[in-house]
PDB file of N, CA and C in Angstrom:
ATOM      1  N   MET A   1     -25.131  53.196  38.581  1.00  0.00           N
ATOM      2  CA  MET A   1     -26.155  53.534  37.576  1.00  0.00           C
ATOM      3  C   MET A   1     -27.272  52.557  37.777  1.00  0.00           C
ATOM      4  N   THR A   2     -28.552  53.026  37.784  1.00  0.00           N
ATOM      5  CA  THR A   2     -29.702  52.313  37.795  1.00  0.00           C
ATOM      6  C   THR A   2     -29.997  51.703  36.632  1.00  0.00           C
ATOM      7  N   THR A   3     -30.295  50.358  36.625  1.00  0.00           N
ATOM      8  CA  THR A   3     -30.694  49.633  35.326  1.00  0.00           C
ATOM      9  C   THR A   3     -32.140  49.988  35.074  1.00  0.00           C
ATOM     10  N   PRO A   4     -32.537  49.769  33.689  1.00  0.00           N
ATOM     11  CA  PRO A   4     -34.009  49.921  33.359  1.00  0.00           C
ATOM     12  C   PRO A   4     -34.971  49.122  34.145  1.00  0.00           C
ATOM     13  N   THR A   5     -34.316  47.747  34.398  1.00  0.00           N
ATOM     14  CA  THR A   5     -35.169  46.935  35.322  1.00  0.00           C
ATOM     15  C   THR A   5     -35.373  47.541  36.672  1.00  0.00           C
ATOM     16  N   GLY A   6     -34.320  47.991  37.296  1.00  0.00           N
ATOM     17  CA  GLY A   6     -34.424  48.573  38.631  1.00  0.00           C
ATOM     18  C   GLY A   6     -35.430  49.743  38.575  1.00  0.00           C
ATOM     19  N   ARG A   7     -35.347  50.657  37.677  1.00  0.00           N
ATOM     20  CA  ARG A   7     -36.296  51.748  37.652  1.00  0.00           C
ATOM     21  C   ARG A   7     -37.649  51.437  37.473  1.00  0.00           C
ATOM     22  N   LEU A   8     -38.009  50.474  36.574  1.00  0.00           N
ATOM     23  CA  LEU A   8     -39.413  49.944  36.499  1.00  0.00           C
ATOM     24  C   LEU A   8     -39.818  49.090  37.627  1.00  0.00           C
ATOM     25  N   ASP A   9     -39.061  48.312  38.319  1.00  0.00           N
ATOM     26  CA  ASP A   9     -39.460  47.540  39.620  1.00  0.00           C
ATOM     27  C   ASP A   9     -39.846  48.625  40.642  1.00  0.00           C
ATOM     28  N   ALA A  10     -39.427  49.812  40.564  1.00  0.00           N
ATOM     29  CA  ALA A  10     -39.692  50.753  41.591  1.00  0.00           C
ATOM     30  C   ALA A  10     -41.042  51.450  41.302  1.00  0.00           C
ATOM     31  N   VAL A  11     -41.552  51.281  40.183  1.00  0.00           N
ATOM     32  CA  VAL A  11     -42.676  52.081  39.854  1.00  0.00           C
ATOM     33  C   VAL A  11     -43.914  51.401  40.661  1.00  0.00           C
ATOM     34  N   SER A  12     -44.763  52.187  41.335  1.00  0.00           N
ATOM     35  CA  SER A  12     -45.835  51.721  42.019  1.00  0.00           C
ATOM     36  C   SER A  12     -47.152  52.151  41.423  1.00  0.00           C
ATOM     37  N   PRO A  13     -48.110  51.283  41.111  1.00  0.00           N
ATOM     38  CA  PRO A  13     -49.364  51.760  40.432  1.00  0.00           C
ATOM     39  C   PRO A  13     -50.068  52.752  41.219  1.00  0.00           C
ATOM     40  N   ALA A  14     -49.841  52.784  42.624  1.00  0.00           N
ATOM     41  CA  ALA A  14     -50.519  53.699  43.514  1.00  0.00           C
ATOM     42  C   ALA A  14     -50.085  55.033  43.115  1.00  0.00           C
ATOM     43  N   THR A  15     -48.770  55.410  42.913  1.00  0.00           N
ATOM     44  CA  THR A  15     -48.121  56.599  42.671  1.00  0.00           C
ATOM     45  C   THR A  15     -48.221  56.944  41.091  1.00  0.00           C
ATOM     46  N   HIS A  16     -48.123  55.954  40.377  1.00  0.00           N
ATOM     47  CA  HIS A  16     -48.068  56.218  38.813  1.00  0.00           C
ATOM     48  C   HIS A  16     -49.071  55.217  38.288  1.00  0.00           C
ATOM     49  N   PRO A  17     -50.397  55.463  38.316  1.00  0.00           N
ATOM     50  CA  PRO A  17     -51.268  54.503  37.790  1.00  0.00           C
ATOM     51  C   PRO A  17     -51.187  54.106  36.310  1.00  0.00           C
ATOM     52  N   GLY A  18     -50.651  55.090  35.460  1.00  0.00           N
ATOM     53  CA  GLY A  18     -50.364  54.693  34.133  1.00  0.00           C
ATOM     54  C   GLY A  18     -49.229  54.007  33.873  1.00  0.00           C
ATOM     55  N   ARG A  19     -48.384  53.636  34.886  1.00  0.00           N
ATOM     56  CA  ARG A  19     -47.068  53.068  34.695  1.00  0.00           C
ATOM     57  C   ARG A  19     -46.930  51.742  35.483  1.00  0.00           C
ATOM     58  N   ASP A  20     -47.951  50.923  35.512  1.00  0.00           N
ATOM     59  CA  ASP A  20     -47.846  49.671  36.119  1.00  0.00           C
ATOM     60  C   ASP A  20     -46.795  48.716  35.483  1.00  0.00           C
ATOM     61  N   ALA A  21     -45.717  48.353  36.152  1.00  0.00           N
ATOM     62  CA  ALA A  21     -44.669  47.521  35.568  1.00  0.00           C
ATOM     63  C   ALA A  21     -45.011  46.007  35.701  1.00  0.00           C
ATOM     64  N   ALA A  22     -46.122  45.621  36.049  1.00  0.00           N
ATOM     65  CA  ALA A  22     -46.437  44.293  36.185  1.00  0.00           C
ATOM     66  C   ALA A  22     -45.929  43.359  34.907  1.00  0.00           C
ATOM     67  N   GLY A  23     -46.483  43.795  33.963  1.00  0.00           N
ATOM     68  CA  GLY A  23     -46.272  42.961  32.723  1.00  0.00           C
ATOM     69  C   GLY A  23     -44.616  42.916  32.417  1.00  0.00           C
ATOM     70  N   PHE A  24     -43.970  43.824  32.620  1.00  0.00           N
ATOM     71  CA  PHE A  24     -42.494  43.990  32.396  1.00  0.00           C
ATOM     72  C   PHE A  24     -41.883  42.946  33.415  1.00  0.00           C
ATOM     73  N   ARG A  25     -42.242  43.112  34.719  1.00  0.00           N
ATOM     74  CA  ARG A  25     -41.715  42.170  35.623  1.00  0.00           C
ATOM     75  C   ARG A  25     -42.167  40.631  35.410  1.00  0.00           C
ATOM     76  N   ALA A  26     -43.264  40.510  34.914  1.00  0.00           N
ATOM     77  CA  ALA A  26     -43.620  38.947  34.567  1.00  0.00           C
ATOM     78  C   ALA A  26     -42.800  38.518  33.432  1.00  0.00           C
ATOM     79  N   ILE A  27     -42.480  39.357  32.484  1.00  0.00           N
ATOM     80  CA  ILE A  27     -41.602  39.091  31.205  1.00  0.00           C
ATOM     81  C   ILE A  27     -40.212  38.681  31.790  1.00  0.00           C
ATOM     82  N   ARG A  28     -39.670  39.461  32.688  1.00  0.00           N
ATOM     83  CA  ARG A  28     -38.306  39.372  33.360  1.00  0.00           C
ATOM     84  C   ARG A  28     -38.339  37.978  34.017  1.00  0.00           C
ATOM     85  N   SER A  29     -39.251  37.739  34.769  1.00  0.00           N
ATOM     86  CA  SER A  29     -39.425  36.528  35.609  1.00  0.00           C
ATOM     87  C   SER A  29     -39.491  35.278  34.642  1.00  0.00           C
ATOM     88  N   ALA A  30     -40.293  35.384  33.625  1.00  0.00           N
ATOM     89  CA  ALA A  30     -40.441  34.260  32.650  1.00  0.00           C
ATOM     90  C   ALA A  30     -39.070  33.875  32.004  1.00  0.00           C
ATOM     91  N   ALA A  31     -38.532  35.065  31.563  1.00  0.00           N
ATOM     92  CA  ALA A  31     -37.036  34.891  30.981  1.00  0.00           C
ATOM     93  C   ALA A  31     -36.053  34.203  31.803  1.00  0.00           C
ATOM     94  N   LYS A  32     -36.042  34.571  33.114  1.00  0.00           N
ATOM     95  CA  LYS A  32     -35.142  34.103  34.046  1.00  0.00           C
ATOM     96  C   LYS A  32     -35.427  32.455  34.311  1.00  0.00           C
ATOM     97  N   ASN A  33     -36.833  32.116  34.193  1.00  0.00           N
ATOM     98  CA  ASN A  33     -37.266  30.768  34.262  1.00  0.00           C
ATOM     99  C   ASN A  33     -36.789  29.948  33.120  1.00  0.00           C
ATOM    100  N   VAL A  34     -36.723  30.643  31.897  1.00  0.00           N
ATOM    101  CA  VAL A  34     -36.279  29.941  30.747  1.00  0.00           C
ATOM    102  C   VAL A  34     -34.727  29.672  30.743  1.00  0.00           C
ATOM    103  N   GLU A  35     -34.004  30.612  31.278  1.00  0.00           N
ATOM    104  CA  GLU A  35     -32.640  30.507  31.429  1.00  0.00           C
ATOM    105  C   GLU A  35     -32.280  29.403  32.411  1.00  0.00           C
ATOM    106  N   THR A  36     -33.021  29.316  33.589  1.00  0.00           N
ATOM    107  CA  THR A  36     -32.831  28.263  34.504  1.00  0.00           C
ATOM    108  C   THR A  36     -33.182  26.945  33.807  1.00  0.00           C
ATOM    109  N   ALA A  37     -34.285  26.737  33.177  1.00  0.00           N
ATOM    110  CA  ALA A  37     -34.653  25.575  32.448  1.00  0.00           C
ATOM    111  C   ALA A  37     -33.599  25.141  31.452  1.00  0.00           C
ATOM    112  N   GLU A  38     -33.124  26.129  30.678  1.00  0.00           N
ATOM    113  CA  GLU A  38     -31.980  25.779  29.704  1.00  0.00           C
ATOM    114  C   GLU A  38     -30.698  25.153  30.350  1.00  0.00           C
ATOM    115  N   ALA A  39     -30.325  25.800  31.510  1.00  0.00           N
ATOM    116  CA  ALA A  39     -29.174  25.258  32.264  1.00  0.00           C
ATOM    117  C   ALA A  39     -29.390  23.834  32.690  1.00  0.00           C
ATOM    118  N   GLU A  40     -30.580  23.591  33.250  1.00  0.00           N
ATOM    119  CA  GLU A  40     -31.049  22.325  33.786  1.00  0.00           C
ATOM    120  C   GLU A  40     -30.923  21.379  32.662  1.00  0.00           C
ATOM    121  N   LEU A  41     -31.414  21.633  31.589  1.00  0.00           N
ATOM    122  CA  LEU A  41     -31.460  20.790  30.282  1.00  0.00           C
ATOM    123  C   LEU A  41     -30.027  20.504  29.853  1.00  0.00           C
ATOM    124  N   ARG A  42     -29.250  21.489  29.800  1.00  0.00           N
ATOM    125  CA  ARG A  42     -27.781  21.229  29.313  1.00  0.00           C
ATOM    126  C   ARG A  42     -27.031  20.258  30.421  1.00  0.00           C
ATOM    127  N   GLN A  43     -27.379  20.397  31.663  1.00  0.00           N
ATOM    128  CA  GLN A  43     -26.813  19.550  32.656  1.00  0.00           C
ATOM    129  C   GLN A  43     -27.387  18.122  32.458  1.00  0.00           C
ATOM    130  N   ALA A  44     -28.578  17.989  32.300  1.00  0.00           N
ATOM    131  CA  ALA A  44     -29.267  16.542  31.969  1.00  0.00           C
ATOM    132  C   ALA A  44     -28.691  16.002  30.856  1.00  0.00           C
ATOM    133  N   VAL A  45     -28.475  16.716  29.830  1.00  0.00           N
ATOM    134  CA  VAL A  45     -28.023  15.989  28.483  1.00  0.00           C
ATOM    135  C   VAL A  45     -26.467  15.680  28.807  1.00  0.00           C
ATOM    136  N   HIS A  46     -25.733  16.431  29.470  1.00  0.00           N
ATOM    137  CA  HIS A  46     -24.384  16.124  29.804  1.00  0.00           C
ATOM    138  C   HIS A  46     -24.230  14.957  30.663  1.00  0.00           C
ATOM    139  N   THR A  47     -25.227  14.836  31.592  1.00  0.00           N
ATOM    140  CA  THR A  47     -25.307  13.629  32.647  1.00  0.00           C
ATOM    141  C   THR A  47     -25.629  12.398  31.797  1.00  0.00           C
ATOM    142  N   ALA A  48     -26.553  12.584  30.805  1.00  0.00           N
ATOM    143  CA  ALA A  48     -27.103  11.455  30.138  1.00  0.00           C
ATOM    144  C   ALA A  48     -25.862  10.932  29.295  1.00  0.00           C
ATOM    145  N   ARG A  49     -25.108  11.855  28.615  1.00  0.00           N
ATOM    146  CA  ARG A  49     -24.081  11.452  27.685  1.00  0.00           C
ATOM    147  C   ARG A  49     -22.967  10.744  28.510  1.00  0.00           C
ATOM    148  N   GLU A  50     -22.674  11.241  29.572  1.00  0.00           N
ATOM    149  CA  GLU A  50     -21.618  10.627  30.527  1.00  0.00           C
ATOM    150  C   GLU A  50     -22.111   9.244  31.073  1.00  0.00           C
ATOM    151  N   ALA A  51     -23.318   9.009  31.157  1.00  0.00           N
ATOM    152  CA  ALA A  51     -23.908   7.708  31.580  1.00  0.00           C
ATOM    153  C   ALA A  51     -23.980   6.771  30.278  1.00  0.00           C
ATOM    154  N   GLY A  52     -23.701   7.299  29.084  1.00  0.00           N
ATOM    155  CA  GLY A  52     -23.534   6.448  27.894  1.00  0.00           C
ATOM    156  C   GLY A  52     -24.736   6.368  27.031  1.00  0.00           C
ATOM    157  N   ASP A  53     -25.709   7.342  27.285  1.00  0.00           N
ATOM    158  CA  ASP A  53     -26.842   7.480  26.392  1.00  0.00           C
ATOM    159  C   ASP A  53     -26.432   8.063  25.094  1.00  0.00           C
ATOM    160  N   SER A  54     -27.082   7.429  24.018  1.00  0.00           N
ATOM    161  CA  SER A  54     -26.756   7.987  22.685  1.00  0.00           C
ATOM    162  C   SER A  54     -27.330   9.190  22.336  1.00  0.00           C
ATOM    163  N   TRP A  55     -26.950   9.870  21.169  1.00  0.00           N
ATOM    164  CA  TRP A  55     -27.568  11.190  20.808  1.00  0.00           C
ATOM    165  C   TRP A  55     -29.031  10.776  20.268  1.00  0.00           C
ATOM    166  N   ALA A  56     -29.193   9.554  19.794  1.00  0.00           N
ATOM    167  CA  ALA A  56     -30.538   9.225  19.346  1.00  0.00           C
ATOM    168  C   ALA A  56     -31.551   9.111  20.512  1.00  0.00           C
ATOM    169  N   VAL A  57     -31.045   8.566  21.679  1.00  0.00           N
ATOM    170  CA  VAL A  57     -31.893   8.483  22.705  1.00  0.00           C
ATOM    171  C   VAL A  57     -32.159   9.870  23.389  1.00  0.00           C
ATOM    172  N   ILE A  58     -31.151  10.805  23.383  1.00  0.00           N
ATOM    173  CA  ILE A  58     -31.363  12.166  23.839  1.00  0.00           C
ATOM    174  C   ILE A  58     -32.287  12.791  22.862  1.00  0.00           C
ATOM    175  N   GLY A  59     -32.141  12.799  21.652  1.00  0.00           N
ATOM    176  CA  GLY A  59     -32.905  13.321  20.537  1.00  0.00           C
ATOM    177  C   GLY A  59     -34.490  12.918  20.764  1.00  0.00           C
ATOM    178  N   THR A  60     -34.555  11.594  20.897  1.00  0.00           N
ATOM    179  CA  THR A  60     -35.990  10.966  21.131  1.00  0.00           C
ATOM    180  C   THR A  60     -36.749  11.704  22.417  1.00  0.00           C
ATOM    181  N   ALA A  61     -35.800  11.841  23.495  1.00  0.00           N
ATOM    182  CA  ALA A  61     -36.448  12.258  24.657  1.00  0.00           C
ATOM    183  C   ALA A  61     -36.860  13.909  24.406  1.00  0.00           C
ATOM    184  N   LEU A  62     -36.141  14.602  23.615  1.00  0.00           N
ATOM    185  CA  LEU A  62     -36.398  15.926  23.385  1.00  0.00           C
ATOM    186  C   LEU A  62     -37.521  16.143  22.135  1.00  0.00           C
ATOM    187  N   GLY A  63     -37.757  15.205  21.364  1.00  0.00           N
ATOM    188  CA  GLY A  63     -38.638  15.262  20.283  1.00  0.00           C
ATOM    189  C   GLY A  63     -37.976  15.951  19.133  1.00  0.00           C
ATOM    190  N   ILE A  64     -36.679  15.683  19.054  1.00  0.00           N
ATOM    191  CA  ILE A  64     -35.873  16.182  17.897  1.00  0.00           C
ATOM    192  C   ILE A  64     -35.027  15.101  17.384  1.00  0.00           C
ATOM    193  N   SER A  65     -34.310  15.168  16.218  1.00  0.00           N
ATOM    194  CA  SER A  65     -33.543  14.275  15.540  1.00  0.00           C
ATOM    195  C   SER A  65     -32.166  14.101  16.350  1.00  0.00           C
ATOM    196  N   ARG A  66     -31.439  12.990  16.252  1.00  0.00           N
ATOM    197  CA  ARG A  66     -30.192  12.692  16.766  1.00  0.00           C
ATOM    198  C   ARG A  66     -29.240  13.751  16.490  1.00  0.00           C
ATOM    199  N   GLN A  67     -29.263  14.178  15.126  1.00  0.00           N
ATOM    200  CA  GLN A  67     -28.329  15.188  14.722  1.00  0.00           C
ATOM    201  C   GLN A  67     -28.666  16.536  15.354  1.00  0.00           C
ATOM    202  N   ALA A  68     -29.943  16.857  15.432  1.00  0.00           N
ATOM    203  CA  ALA A  68     -30.184  18.196  16.001  1.00  0.00           C
ATOM    204  C   ALA A  68     -29.672  18.209  17.477  1.00  0.00           C
ATOM    205  N   ALA A  69     -29.972  17.174  18.165  1.00  0.00           N
ATOM    206  CA  ALA A  69     -29.531  17.048  19.465  1.00  0.00           C
ATOM    207  C   ALA A  69     -28.075  17.204  19.668  1.00  0.00           C
ATOM    208  N   GLN A  70     -27.365  16.581  18.893  1.00  0.00           N
ATOM    209  CA  GLN A  70     -25.838  16.451  18.875  1.00  0.00           C
ATOM    210  C   GLN A  70     -25.365  17.995  18.432  1.00  0.00           C
ATOM    211  N   GLN A  71     -26.035  18.634  17.439  1.00  0.00           N
ATOM    212  CA  GLN A  71     -25.448  19.937  17.064  1.00  0.00           C
ATOM    213  C   GLN A  71     -25.781  20.947  18.131  1.00  0.00           C
ATOM    214  N   ARG A  72     -26.855  20.759  18.981  1.00  0.00           N
ATOM    215  CA  ARG A  72     -27.382  21.655  19.904  1.00  0.00           C
ATOM    216  C   ARG A  72     -26.549  21.714  21.190  1.00  0.00           C
ATOM    217  N   PHE A  73     -26.180  20.451  21.583  1.00  0.00           N
ATOM    218  CA  PHE A  73     -25.605  20.188  22.956  1.00  0.00           C
ATOM    219  C   PHE A  73     -24.124  19.781  23.056  1.00  0.00           C
ATOM    220  N   SER A  74     -23.565  19.600  21.699  1.00  0.00           N
ATOM    221  CA  SER A  74     -22.103  19.066  21.755  1.00  0.00           C
ATOM    222  C   SER A  74     -21.173  20.194  21.553  1.00  0.00           C
TER     223      SER A  74
END
């Protein structure tokens, strides 16, 4: 079965001038970048904790409280 993403990726502005999916593709790309960044952040926090960094240090690096950092990543 073709996914909605696959169908819109196949739309060509030349054949369907009213159906340019560039905005949709840009949103999907940005969402993927967010997912990748979140995974990198989780790994960085995990590595920092293993190295002995406190939740206060991690929270400061993220611009959030110690408690917020601990709740989000523990």
